[in-house]
Amino acid sequence: MLRTCMKSTIAGVFLLGLATAALAVNGEFGNMCAASLAAGKDTPTDCSINSQIQGKTYCFGSQEAMAEFMKNPAENLAKAQAYYSKKHPG
């Protein structure tokens, strides 16, 4: 009985770990807020707010930051890339 219970518990923990990993999002710029980078600031995020641009995921610190960034994504992406490349070479 104990052995069966332990197997079920271990299986449940394993499945929970897989589900959590599937929910994690990895964005460009090391999960930094793309809008902040475009403004010349480093702001880490958990990437729970994100958007796809040209097949890549970009993270944002807030819905407002994402909305502002998306008003001109090409220009803001270029600014973010330039700043990030300078501050985080390699």
N, C-alpha and C. Protein backbone atom coordinates (compact mmCIF):
# COMPACT_ATOMS: atom_id res chain seq x y z
N MET A 1 0.83 -1.20 0.00
CA MET A 1 0.00 0.00 0.00
C MET A 1 0.87 1.26 0.00
N LEU A 2 1.87 1.30 0.87
CA LEU A 2 2.76 2.46 0.95
C LEU A 2 3.53 2.65 -0.35
N ARG A 3 3.94 1.53 -0.93
CA ARG A 3 4.70 1.59 -2.17
C ARG A 3 3.85 2.18 -3.31
N THR A 4 2.61 1.80 -3.41
CA THR A 4 1.69 2.32 -4.43
C THR A 4 1.45 3.80 -4.23
N CYS A 5 1.26 4.19 -2.98
CA CYS A 5 1.04 5.60 -2.65
C CYS A 5 2.26 6.44 -3.03
N MET A 6 3.46 5.95 -2.74
CA MET A 6 4.69 6.67 -3.06
C MET A 6 4.85 6.83 -4.58
N LYS A 7 4.55 5.76 -5.32
CA LYS A 7 4.66 5.82 -6.78
C LYS A 7 3.70 6.88 -7.33
N SER A 8 2.49 6.92 -6.81
CA SER A 8 1.52 7.91 -7.27
C SER A 8 1.97 9.32 -6.93
N THR A 9 2.53 9.50 -5.75
CA THR A 9 3.01 10.82 -5.34
C THR A 9 4.16 11.27 -6.22
N ILE A 10 5.11 10.38 -6.47
CA ILE A 10 6.26 10.73 -7.31
C ILE A 10 5.79 11.05 -8.73
N ALA A 11 4.87 10.27 -9.26
CA ALA A 11 4.35 10.53 -10.61
C ALA A 11 3.65 11.88 -10.66
N GLY A 12 2.89 12.21 -9.62
CA GLY A 12 2.20 13.50 -9.57
C GLY A 12 3.16 14.67 -9.53
N VAL A 13 4.21 14.55 -8.72
CA VAL A 13 5.21 15.61 -8.64
C VAL A 13 5.92 15.77 -9.98
N PHE A 14 6.24 14.68 -10.63
CA PHE A 14 6.90 14.73 -11.93
C PHE A 14 6.02 15.42 -12.97
N LEU A 15 4.75 15.07 -13.00
CA LEU A 15 3.83 15.70 -13.96
C LEU A 15 3.64 17.19 -13.67
N LEU A 16 3.59 17.56 -12.40
CA LEU A 16 3.48 18.96 -12.03
C LEU A 16 4.70 19.73 -12.52
N GLY A 17 5.87 19.15 -12.37
CA GLY A 17 7.10 19.77 -12.86
C GLY A 17 7.08 19.97 -14.36
N LEU A 18 6.59 18.99 -15.09
CA LEU A 18 6.49 19.12 -16.55
C LEU A 18 5.51 20.21 -16.94
N ALA A 19 4.40 20.30 -16.25
CA ALA A 19 3.38 21.32 -16.56
C ALA A 19 3.94 22.70 -16.29
N THR A 20 4.67 22.87 -15.19
CA THR A 20 5.26 24.16 -14.86
C THR A 20 6.29 24.56 -15.90
N ALA A 21 7.11 23.62 -16.32
CA ALA A 21 8.13 23.91 -17.33
C ALA A 21 7.48 24.30 -18.65
N ALA A 22 6.37 23.69 -18.99
CA ALA A 22 5.69 24.02 -20.24
C ALA A 22 5.14 25.44 -20.22
N LEU A 23 4.78 25.94 -19.04
CA LEU A 23 4.23 27.28 -18.93
C LEU A 23 5.29 28.36 -18.95
N ALA A 24 6.53 28.01 -18.63
CA ALA A 24 7.61 28.99 -18.60
C ALA A 24 7.90 29.47 -20.02
N VAL A 25 8.05 30.77 -20.16
CA VAL A 25 8.32 31.36 -21.47
C VAL A 25 9.73 31.94 -21.46
N ASN A 26 10.48 31.65 -22.49
CA ASN A 26 11.81 32.23 -22.65
C ASN A 26 11.75 33.21 -23.80
N GLY A 27 12.00 34.47 -23.49
CA GLY A 27 11.95 35.50 -24.50
C GLY A 27 13.32 35.98 -24.92
N GLU A 28 13.33 36.76 -25.93
CA GLU A 28 14.57 37.39 -26.41
C GLU A 28 15.09 38.34 -25.33
N PHE A 29 16.31 38.75 -25.46
CA PHE A 29 16.94 39.70 -24.54
C PHE A 29 16.98 39.19 -23.10
N GLY A 30 17.08 37.89 -22.91
CA GLY A 30 17.18 37.34 -21.57
C GLY A 30 15.98 37.66 -20.69
N ASN A 31 14.81 37.70 -21.28
CA ASN A 31 13.55 38.00 -20.59
C ASN A 31 13.48 39.42 -20.03
N MET A 32 14.29 40.32 -20.56
CA MET A 32 14.19 41.73 -20.18
C MET A 32 12.99 42.34 -20.91
N CYS A 33 12.41 43.37 -20.30
CA CYS A 33 11.29 44.08 -20.92
C CYS A 33 11.78 44.79 -22.18
N ALA A 34 11.23 44.44 -23.32
CA ALA A 34 11.67 45.02 -24.59
C ALA A 34 11.38 46.52 -24.65
N ALA A 35 10.28 46.96 -24.05
CA ALA A 35 9.95 48.38 -24.04
C ALA A 35 10.96 49.16 -23.20
N SER A 36 11.37 48.60 -22.08
CA SER A 36 12.38 49.26 -21.24
C SER A 36 13.71 49.33 -21.96
N LEU A 37 14.09 48.27 -22.63
CA LEU A 37 15.34 48.27 -23.38
C LEU A 37 15.31 49.35 -24.46
N ALA A 38 14.18 49.50 -25.13
CA ALA A 38 14.06 50.53 -26.16
C ALA A 38 14.21 51.93 -25.57
N ALA A 39 13.88 52.07 -24.27
CA ALA A 39 14.02 53.35 -23.57
C ALA A 39 15.37 53.48 -22.86
N GLY A 40 16.25 52.49 -23.05
CA GLY A 40 17.57 52.56 -22.46
C GLY A 40 17.66 52.12 -21.01
N LYS A 41 16.79 51.17 -20.61
CA LYS A 41 16.81 50.67 -19.23
C LYS A 41 16.71 49.15 -19.22
N ASP A 42 17.33 48.54 -18.22
CA ASP A 42 17.22 47.09 -18.01
C ASP A 42 16.11 46.83 -17.00
N THR A 43 15.09 46.11 -17.41
CA THR A 43 14.02 45.73 -16.50
C THR A 43 13.72 44.25 -16.68
N PRO A 44 14.17 43.40 -15.73
CA PRO A 44 13.88 41.97 -15.85
C PRO A 44 12.38 41.69 -15.70
N THR A 45 11.91 40.65 -16.36
CA THR A 45 10.50 40.25 -16.26
C THR A 45 10.42 38.75 -16.07
N ASP A 46 9.24 38.27 -15.72
CA ASP A 46 9.01 36.82 -15.69
C ASP A 46 8.44 36.36 -17.02
N CYS A 47 8.30 37.27 -17.94
CA CYS A 47 7.83 37.03 -19.32
C CYS A 47 6.39 36.52 -19.36
N SER A 48 5.62 36.78 -18.32
CA SER A 48 4.21 36.38 -18.34
C SER A 48 3.42 37.26 -19.30
N ILE A 49 3.91 38.46 -19.56
CA ILE A 49 3.32 39.34 -20.57
C ILE A 49 4.29 39.34 -21.73
N ASN A 50 3.87 38.81 -22.86
CA ASN A 50 4.78 38.69 -24.00
C ASN A 50 4.03 38.77 -25.31
N SER A 51 4.79 38.97 -26.36
CA SER A 51 4.21 39.04 -27.70
C SER A 51 5.18 38.45 -28.70
N GLN A 52 4.62 37.92 -29.77
CA GLN A 52 5.43 37.36 -30.85
C GLN A 52 5.61 38.41 -31.94
N ILE A 53 6.86 38.62 -32.33
CA ILE A 53 7.17 39.52 -33.45
C ILE A 53 8.12 38.76 -34.35
N GLN A 54 7.75 38.56 -35.58
CA GLN A 54 8.55 37.84 -36.57
C GLN A 54 9.03 36.50 -36.03
N GLY A 55 8.14 35.79 -35.34
CA GLY A 55 8.44 34.45 -34.87
C GLY A 55 9.27 34.38 -33.59
N LYS A 56 9.57 35.51 -32.98
CA LYS A 56 10.34 35.52 -31.74
C LYS A 56 9.48 36.09 -30.62
N THR A 57 9.73 35.63 -29.40
CA THR A 57 8.97 36.07 -28.24
C THR A 57 9.69 37.20 -27.54
N TYR A 58 8.97 38.28 -27.27
CA TYR A 58 9.51 39.43 -26.55
C TYR A 58 8.68 39.63 -25.29
N CYS A 59 9.36 39.91 -24.19
CA CYS A 59 8.74 40.03 -22.88
C CYS A 59 8.51 41.50 -22.53
N PHE A 60 7.51 41.73 -21.68
CA PHE A 60 7.18 43.10 -21.25
C PHE A 60 6.86 43.09 -19.77
N GLY A 61 7.15 44.21 -19.12
CA GLY A 61 6.91 44.35 -17.70
C GLY A 61 5.46 44.63 -17.36
N SER A 62 4.69 45.10 -18.34
CA SER A 62 3.28 45.40 -18.10
C SER A 62 2.53 45.42 -19.43
N GLN A 63 1.21 45.37 -19.34
CA GLN A 63 0.37 45.48 -20.56
C GLN A 63 0.57 46.84 -21.21
N GLU A 64 0.72 47.88 -20.37
CA GLU A 64 0.91 49.24 -20.89
C GLU A 64 2.22 49.35 -21.67
N ALA A 65 3.28 48.75 -21.13
CA ALA A 65 4.58 48.78 -21.81
C ALA A 65 4.48 48.07 -23.16
N MET A 66 3.78 46.94 -23.19
CA MET A 66 3.62 46.20 -24.44
C MET A 66 2.81 47.02 -25.45
N ALA A 67 1.74 47.64 -25.00
CA ALA A 67 0.90 48.44 -25.90
C ALA A 67 1.69 49.59 -26.50
N GLU A 68 2.47 50.25 -25.66
CA GLU A 68 3.29 51.37 -26.15
C GLU A 68 4.33 50.89 -27.15
N PHE A 69 4.98 49.80 -26.86
CA PHE A 69 5.99 49.22 -27.74
C PHE A 69 5.39 48.86 -29.09
N MET A 70 4.18 48.30 -29.07
CA MET A 70 3.55 47.80 -30.30
C MET A 70 3.00 48.92 -31.19
N LYS A 71 3.04 50.15 -30.73
CA LYS A 71 2.63 51.26 -31.60
C LYS A 71 3.61 51.43 -32.75
N ASN A 72 4.87 51.06 -32.53
CA ASN A 72 5.89 51.12 -33.57
C ASN A 72 6.91 50.01 -33.30
N PRO A 73 6.52 48.75 -33.51
CA PRO A 73 7.39 47.64 -33.11
C PRO A 73 8.74 47.60 -33.83
N ALA A 74 8.77 47.93 -35.10
CA ALA A 74 10.04 47.85 -35.84
C ALA A 74 11.07 48.83 -35.27
N GLU A 75 10.65 50.07 -35.06
CA GLU A 75 11.56 51.08 -34.53
C GLU A 75 11.96 50.74 -33.08
N ASN A 76 10.99 50.34 -32.28
CA ASN A 76 11.30 50.01 -30.89
C ASN A 76 12.18 48.78 -30.77
N LEU A 77 11.98 47.81 -31.64
CA LEU A 77 12.81 46.62 -31.63
C LEU A 77 14.26 46.97 -31.99
N ALA A 78 14.44 47.85 -32.96
CA ALA A 78 15.79 48.29 -33.33
C ALA A 78 16.46 49.01 -32.16
N LYS A 79 15.73 49.86 -31.47
CA LYS A 79 16.28 50.56 -30.30
C LYS A 79 16.64 49.56 -29.19
N ALA A 80 15.75 48.63 -28.93
CA ALA A 80 15.99 47.63 -27.89
C ALA A 80 17.21 46.78 -28.22
N GLN A 81 17.32 46.37 -29.46
CA GLN A 81 18.46 45.55 -29.90
C GLN A 81 19.76 46.32 -29.75
N ALA A 82 19.78 47.58 -30.16
CA ALA A 82 20.99 48.40 -30.07
C ALA A 82 21.42 48.56 -28.61
N TYR A 83 20.48 48.88 -27.75
CA TYR A 83 20.80 49.06 -26.32
C TYR A 83 21.27 47.74 -25.71
N TYR A 84 20.55 46.66 -25.96
CA TYR A 84 20.88 45.37 -25.37
C TYR A 84 22.27 44.91 -25.83
N SER A 85 22.58 45.09 -27.10
CA SER A 85 23.89 44.68 -27.64
C SER A 85 25.03 45.45 -26.98
N LYS A 86 24.80 46.72 -26.68
CA LYS A 86 25.81 47.54 -26.01
C LYS A 86 26.02 47.11 -24.56
N LYS A 87 24.91 46.92 -23.84
CA LYS A 87 24.96 46.62 -22.41
C LYS A 87 25.25 45.14 -22.10
N HIS A 88 24.91 44.28 -23.03
CA HIS A 88 25.04 42.83 -22.80
C HIS A 88 25.76 42.18 -23.99
N PRO A 89 27.02 42.53 -24.23
CA PRO A 89 27.73 41.95 -25.38
C PRO A 89 27.93 40.45 -25.22
N GLY A 90 27.93 39.78 -26.34
CA GLY A 90 28.23 38.35 -26.30
C GLY A 90 27.07 37.54 -26.53
